[in-house]
N, C-alpha and C. Protein backbone atom coordinates (compact mmCIF):
# COMPACT_ATOMS: atom_id res chain seq x y z
N MET A 1 -1.93 -1.03 -34.83
CA MET A 1 -3.07 -1.85 -35.75
C MET A 1 -2.09 -2.07 -36.98
N ASN A 2 -2.07 -3.19 -37.36
CA ASN A 2 -1.39 -3.68 -38.60
C ASN A 2 -2.00 -2.93 -40.01
N THR A 3 -3.33 -2.68 -39.93
CA THR A 3 -3.92 -1.82 -41.13
C THR A 3 -3.38 -0.59 -41.13
N ILE A 4 -3.11 0.15 -40.11
CA ILE A 4 -2.72 1.44 -40.07
C ILE A 4 -1.19 1.55 -40.76
N ASN A 5 -0.31 0.55 -40.39
CA ASN A 5 0.97 0.61 -40.80
C ASN A 5 1.09 0.34 -42.42
N ASN A 6 0.16 -0.45 -42.91
CA ASN A 6 0.20 -0.60 -44.45
C ASN A 6 -0.92 0.04 -45.21
N ILE A 7 -1.40 1.02 -44.79
CA ILE A 7 -2.77 1.56 -45.29
C ILE A 7 -2.49 2.02 -46.78
N GLU A 8 -1.41 2.46 -47.13
CA GLU A 8 -1.08 2.51 -48.68
C GLU A 8 -1.38 1.35 -49.64
N SER A 9 -1.24 0.13 -48.95
CA SER A 9 -1.62 -1.00 -49.83
C SER A 9 -3.03 -1.01 -50.34
N TYR A 10 -3.88 -0.30 -49.74
CA TYR A 10 -5.25 -0.20 -50.24
C TYR A 10 -5.68 0.76 -51.31
N GLN A 11 -4.51 1.38 -51.73
CA GLN A 11 -4.75 2.53 -52.96
C GLN A 11 -5.62 1.89 -53.96
N PRO A 12 -5.34 0.60 -54.58
CA PRO A 12 -6.03 0.07 -55.68
C PRO A 12 -7.52 0.08 -55.39
N TYR A 13 -7.91 0.16 -54.44
CA TYR A 13 -9.45 -0.03 -54.08
C TYR A 13 -10.24 1.30 -54.26
N TYR A 14 -9.40 2.50 -54.23
CA TYR A 14 -9.80 3.68 -54.12
C TYR A 14 -10.63 4.15 -55.42
N ASN A 15 -11.59 4.66 -55.50
CA ASN A 15 -12.23 5.20 -56.77
C ASN A 15 -13.38 6.17 -56.29
N LYS A 16 -13.28 7.22 -56.74
CA LYS A 16 -14.06 8.49 -56.42
C LYS A 16 -15.55 7.98 -56.54
N GLY A 17 -16.06 7.40 -57.42
CA GLY A 17 -17.46 7.04 -57.76
C GLY A 17 -17.79 5.87 -56.60
N LEU A 18 -16.93 4.99 -56.26
CA LEU A 18 -17.07 3.90 -55.24
C LEU A 18 -17.17 4.54 -53.97
N PHE A 19 -16.32 5.57 -53.75
CA PHE A 19 -16.31 6.28 -52.45
C PHE A 19 -17.66 6.87 -52.34
N TRP A 20 -18.11 7.72 -53.15
CA TRP A 20 -19.33 8.56 -52.89
C TRP A 20 -20.66 7.45 -52.76
N ASN A 21 -20.52 6.35 -53.59
CA ASN A 21 -21.62 5.43 -53.46
C ASN A 21 -21.48 4.70 -52.25
N LYS A 22 -20.45 4.38 -51.58
CA LYS A 22 -20.34 3.82 -50.33
C LYS A 22 -20.84 4.92 -49.13
N MET A 23 -20.50 6.22 -49.44
CA MET A 23 -20.76 7.16 -48.25
C MET A 23 -22.62 7.20 -48.43
N ASN A 24 -23.03 7.25 -49.54
CA ASN A 24 -24.52 7.28 -49.67
C ASN A 24 -25.16 6.08 -49.07
N ARG A 25 -24.45 4.92 -49.25
CA ARG A 25 -25.12 3.54 -49.08
C ARG A 25 -25.02 3.39 -47.43
N VAL A 26 -23.99 3.82 -46.75
CA VAL A 26 -23.81 3.65 -45.37
C VAL A 26 -24.26 4.78 -44.44
N GLY A 27 -24.59 6.03 -45.07
CA GLY A 27 -25.06 7.04 -44.42
C GLY A 27 -25.81 6.93 -43.08
N GLY A 28 -26.91 6.10 -43.21
CA GLY A 28 -27.84 5.71 -42.04
C GLY A 28 -27.21 4.67 -41.26
N LYS A 29 -26.29 3.96 -41.31
CA LYS A 29 -25.74 2.78 -40.72
C LYS A 29 -24.60 3.29 -39.77
N VAL A 30 -23.90 4.34 -40.18
CA VAL A 30 -22.63 4.57 -39.41
C VAL A 30 -22.77 5.95 -38.82
N GLY A 31 -21.99 6.19 -37.73
CA GLY A 31 -21.99 7.57 -37.02
C GLY A 31 -21.62 8.60 -37.98
N SER A 32 -22.13 9.96 -37.61
CA SER A 32 -21.73 10.94 -38.32
C SER A 32 -20.18 11.30 -38.24
N LYS A 33 -19.72 10.86 -37.30
CA LYS A 33 -18.12 11.12 -37.03
C LYS A 33 -17.32 10.42 -38.20
N LEU A 34 -17.75 9.29 -38.60
CA LEU A 34 -16.95 8.61 -39.52
C LEU A 34 -17.39 9.14 -40.97
N LEU A 35 -18.41 9.62 -40.99
CA LEU A 35 -18.81 10.25 -42.31
C LEU A 35 -18.12 11.66 -42.57
N TYR A 36 -18.06 12.40 -41.46
CA TYR A 36 -17.49 13.79 -41.51
C TYR A 36 -15.92 13.63 -41.80
N PHE A 37 -15.03 12.43 -40.98
CA PHE A 37 -13.84 12.42 -41.32
C PHE A 37 -13.72 11.88 -42.75
N ALA A 38 -14.42 10.91 -43.26
CA ALA A 38 -13.98 10.25 -44.66
C ALA A 38 -14.40 11.65 -45.66
N ARG A 39 -15.32 12.43 -45.44
CA ARG A 39 -15.37 13.55 -46.23
C ARG A 39 -14.25 14.50 -46.30
N LEU A 40 -13.73 14.80 -44.81
CA LEU A 40 -12.56 15.77 -44.57
C LEU A 40 -11.34 14.93 -45.37
N LEU A 41 -11.05 13.53 -45.08
CA LEU A 41 -10.10 13.27 -46.05
C LEU A 41 -10.26 13.48 -47.56
N TYR A 42 -11.35 13.20 -48.02
CA TYR A 42 -11.81 13.40 -49.43
C TYR A 42 -11.40 14.82 -50.01
N TYR A 43 -11.89 15.80 -49.06
CA TYR A 43 -11.41 17.08 -49.53
C TYR A 43 -10.06 17.54 -49.47
N ILE A 44 -9.44 16.99 -48.48
CA ILE A 44 -8.01 17.27 -48.36
C ILE A 44 -7.40 16.65 -49.61
N LEU A 45 -7.96 15.36 -49.99
CA LEU A 45 -7.15 14.77 -51.22
C LEU A 45 -7.45 15.58 -52.46
N VAL A 46 -8.48 16.14 -52.70
CA VAL A 46 -8.73 16.97 -53.87
C VAL A 46 -8.21 18.23 -53.84
N SER A 47 -7.76 18.72 -52.56
CA SER A 47 -7.06 20.04 -52.43
C SER A 47 -5.88 20.25 -53.49
N PRO A 48 -5.67 21.29 -54.26
CA PRO A 48 -4.36 21.20 -55.08
C PRO A 48 -3.11 21.41 -54.11
N SER A 49 -3.25 21.97 -52.89
CA SER A 49 -2.24 22.25 -52.05
C SER A 49 -1.65 20.90 -51.22
N THR A 50 -2.40 19.93 -51.20
CA THR A 50 -2.07 18.71 -50.62
C THR A 50 -0.89 18.08 -51.26
N PRO A 51 0.31 17.71 -50.62
CA PRO A 51 1.33 17.09 -51.27
C PRO A 51 0.96 15.63 -51.66
N LEU A 52 1.77 15.10 -52.56
CA LEU A 52 1.47 13.81 -53.13
C LEU A 52 1.70 12.65 -52.16
N LYS A 53 2.45 12.69 -51.30
CA LYS A 53 2.78 11.56 -50.13
C LYS A 53 1.54 11.51 -49.39
N ALA A 54 0.91 12.85 -49.18
CA ALA A 54 -0.25 12.76 -48.12
C ALA A 54 -1.38 12.35 -48.86
N LYS A 55 -1.57 12.63 -50.24
CA LYS A 55 -2.60 12.02 -51.05
C LYS A 55 -2.60 10.39 -51.09
N GLY A 56 -1.46 10.05 -51.18
CA GLY A 56 -1.25 8.72 -51.30
C GLY A 56 -1.70 8.00 -50.08
N ILE A 57 -1.33 8.65 -48.95
CA ILE A 57 -1.92 7.82 -47.58
C ILE A 57 -3.44 8.14 -47.53
N ILE A 58 -4.03 9.23 -48.00
CA ILE A 58 -5.44 9.54 -47.95
C ILE A 58 -6.01 8.25 -48.82
N ILE A 59 -5.36 8.20 -50.12
CA ILE A 59 -6.33 7.17 -51.05
C ILE A 59 -6.19 5.82 -50.34
N GLY A 60 -5.11 5.45 -49.55
CA GLY A 60 -5.11 4.16 -49.09
C GLY A 60 -6.27 3.97 -48.20
N ALA A 61 -6.47 5.11 -47.15
CA ALA A 61 -7.30 5.08 -46.09
C ALA A 61 -8.90 4.99 -46.83
N LEU A 62 -9.08 5.67 -47.66
CA LEU A 62 -10.48 5.67 -48.62
C LEU A 62 -10.67 4.35 -49.32
N GLY A 63 -9.68 3.77 -49.65
CA GLY A 63 -9.62 2.58 -50.31
C GLY A 63 -10.06 1.59 -49.31
N TYR A 64 -9.47 1.55 -48.06
CA TYR A 64 -9.87 0.53 -47.04
C TYR A 64 -11.12 0.84 -46.54
N PHE A 65 -11.64 1.90 -46.42
CA PHE A 65 -13.04 2.29 -46.33
C PHE A 65 -14.07 1.80 -47.25
N ILE A 66 -13.68 1.90 -48.49
CA ILE A 66 -14.55 1.28 -49.52
C ILE A 66 -14.59 -0.24 -49.64
N LEU A 67 -13.60 -0.89 -49.21
CA LEU A 67 -13.41 -2.25 -49.30
C LEU A 67 -14.25 -2.91 -48.39
N PRO A 68 -15.37 -3.67 -48.69
CA PRO A 68 -16.04 -4.34 -47.78
C PRO A 68 -15.64 -5.46 -46.93
N LEU A 69 -14.72 -6.02 -47.43
CA LEU A 69 -13.95 -7.17 -46.52
C LEU A 69 -12.74 -6.79 -46.09
N ASP A 70 -12.67 -6.36 -44.98
CA ASP A 70 -11.40 -5.93 -44.36
C ASP A 70 -11.20 -6.51 -42.97
N LEU A 71 -10.58 -5.84 -42.07
CA LEU A 71 -10.20 -6.40 -40.63
C LEU A 71 -11.45 -6.74 -39.98
N ILE A 72 -12.28 -5.98 -39.91
CA ILE A 72 -13.73 -6.28 -39.43
C ILE A 72 -14.79 -6.04 -40.56
N PRO A 73 -15.32 -7.10 -41.02
CA PRO A 73 -16.23 -7.05 -42.07
C PRO A 73 -17.41 -6.02 -41.77
N ASP A 74 -17.77 -4.92 -42.79
CA ASP A 74 -18.65 -3.99 -42.41
C ASP A 74 -20.07 -4.52 -42.26
N LEU A 75 -20.35 -5.78 -42.64
CA LEU A 75 -21.49 -6.45 -42.73
C LEU A 75 -21.93 -6.72 -41.24
N ILE A 76 -21.03 -6.88 -40.31
CA ILE A 76 -21.34 -7.08 -38.80
C ILE A 76 -21.76 -5.78 -38.25
N PRO A 77 -23.05 -6.08 -37.67
CA PRO A 77 -23.79 -4.81 -36.94
C PRO A 77 -22.79 -4.42 -35.94
N LEU A 78 -22.95 -2.88 -35.90
CA LEU A 78 -22.41 -2.07 -34.75
C LEU A 78 -20.94 -2.14 -34.63
N VAL A 79 -20.20 -3.00 -34.99
CA VAL A 79 -18.77 -3.14 -34.91
C VAL A 79 -18.16 -2.94 -36.49
N GLY A 80 -18.94 -3.17 -37.25
CA GLY A 80 -18.36 -3.55 -38.55
C GLY A 80 -17.46 -2.27 -39.20
N PHE A 81 -17.87 -1.07 -38.77
CA PHE A 81 -17.11 0.16 -39.26
C PHE A 81 -16.15 0.61 -38.22
N THR A 82 -15.82 -0.11 -37.24
CA THR A 82 -14.72 0.41 -36.12
C THR A 82 -13.51 0.52 -36.73
N ASP A 83 -13.26 -0.62 -37.53
CA ASP A 83 -11.72 -0.53 -38.00
C ASP A 83 -11.68 0.73 -39.03
N ASP A 84 -12.70 0.78 -39.64
CA ASP A 84 -12.59 1.76 -40.87
C ASP A 84 -12.37 3.19 -40.15
N LEU A 85 -13.10 3.38 -38.92
CA LEU A 85 -12.99 4.64 -38.27
C LEU A 85 -11.70 4.99 -37.74
N ALA A 86 -11.13 3.80 -37.26
CA ALA A 86 -9.66 3.79 -36.72
C ALA A 86 -8.69 4.02 -37.87
N ALA A 87 -8.84 3.56 -39.13
CA ALA A 87 -7.88 3.93 -40.08
C ALA A 87 -8.07 5.10 -40.52
N ILE A 88 -9.35 5.81 -40.67
CA ILE A 88 -9.45 7.23 -41.18
C ILE A 88 -9.06 8.08 -40.14
N MET A 89 -9.25 7.94 -38.74
CA MET A 89 -8.87 8.85 -37.88
C MET A 89 -7.25 8.85 -37.63
N ALA A 90 -6.70 7.64 -37.90
CA ALA A 90 -5.28 7.67 -37.91
C ALA A 90 -4.57 8.55 -39.19
N VAL A 91 -5.28 8.47 -40.25
CA VAL A 91 -4.75 9.30 -41.41
C VAL A 91 -5.17 10.67 -41.08
N VAL A 92 -6.29 10.99 -40.69
CA VAL A 92 -6.61 12.33 -40.30
C VAL A 92 -5.40 13.21 -39.37
N GLY A 93 -4.96 12.19 -38.43
CA GLY A 93 -3.98 12.69 -37.55
C GLY A 93 -2.78 13.07 -38.41
N ILE A 94 -2.41 12.34 -39.47
CA ILE A 94 -1.37 12.64 -40.19
C ILE A 94 -1.35 13.66 -41.10
N VAL A 95 -2.46 13.90 -41.75
CA VAL A 95 -2.72 14.88 -42.76
C VAL A 95 -3.58 15.92 -42.51
N ASN A 96 -3.91 16.26 -41.17
CA ASN A 96 -4.76 17.21 -40.81
C ASN A 96 -4.17 18.58 -41.00
N ARG A 97 -2.84 18.57 -41.04
CA ARG A 97 -2.13 19.86 -41.29
C ARG A 97 -2.46 20.57 -42.60
N TYR A 98 -2.98 19.68 -43.57
CA TYR A 98 -3.39 20.39 -44.75
C TYR A 98 -4.71 20.72 -44.87
N SER A 99 -5.39 20.65 -43.80
CA SER A 99 -6.84 20.80 -43.63
C SER A 99 -7.07 22.51 -43.46
N THR A 100 -8.02 22.94 -44.24
CA THR A 100 -8.09 24.48 -43.94
C THR A 100 -9.60 24.68 -43.54
N PRO A 101 -9.94 25.97 -43.23
CA PRO A 101 -11.33 26.29 -42.67
C PRO A 101 -12.37 25.87 -43.72
N GLU A 102 -11.92 26.03 -45.08
CA GLU A 102 -13.02 25.92 -46.38
C GLU A 102 -12.95 24.42 -46.38
N ILE A 103 -11.94 23.58 -46.15
CA ILE A 103 -11.96 22.13 -46.33
C ILE A 103 -13.02 21.60 -45.19
N LYS A 104 -12.77 21.97 -44.03
CA LYS A 104 -13.57 21.53 -42.86
C LYS A 104 -15.03 21.99 -43.08
N ALA A 105 -15.38 23.06 -43.66
CA ALA A 105 -16.67 23.46 -43.98
C ALA A 105 -17.40 22.62 -45.00
N GLN A 106 -16.56 22.28 -46.02
CA GLN A 106 -17.04 21.41 -46.97
C GLN A 106 -17.42 19.77 -46.37
N ALA A 107 -16.54 19.58 -45.41
CA ALA A 107 -16.56 18.20 -44.99
C ALA A 107 -17.92 18.20 -44.09
N ARG A 108 -18.22 19.46 -43.55
CA ARG A 108 -19.44 19.26 -42.59
C ARG A 108 -20.68 19.25 -43.38
N LYS A 109 -20.87 19.67 -44.71
CA LYS A 109 -21.87 19.53 -45.38
C LYS A 109 -22.17 18.41 -45.76
N LYS A 110 -23.46 17.78 -45.78
CA LYS A 110 -23.82 16.52 -46.11
C LYS A 110 -23.93 16.63 -47.54
N GLN A 111 -23.40 15.51 -48.33
CA GLN A 111 -23.69 15.38 -49.79
C GLN A 111 -25.06 14.92 -50.16
């Protein structure tokens, strides 16, 4: 997927406040899997032990998630978030080694 190959280009779109606003806004519209993995990336991002390179990749994925006009626009019912899930899952695969049981527990909690 082209989006995965250049995910870091979406870094300018990441903003902590916009991320949590989007999470709250789409909570009832998307599956719990997407929300869990987005929270997991967020908590890996804010962990002091996560290396800068991993943080850059995470910021790109979360920026892609925030951006409403992406490969498949979020406004399209049922499929609008599939590209977001794909991008987030790809990045989870890359940075999951920085996840801890504590981070996973935080991600499981709903905000």
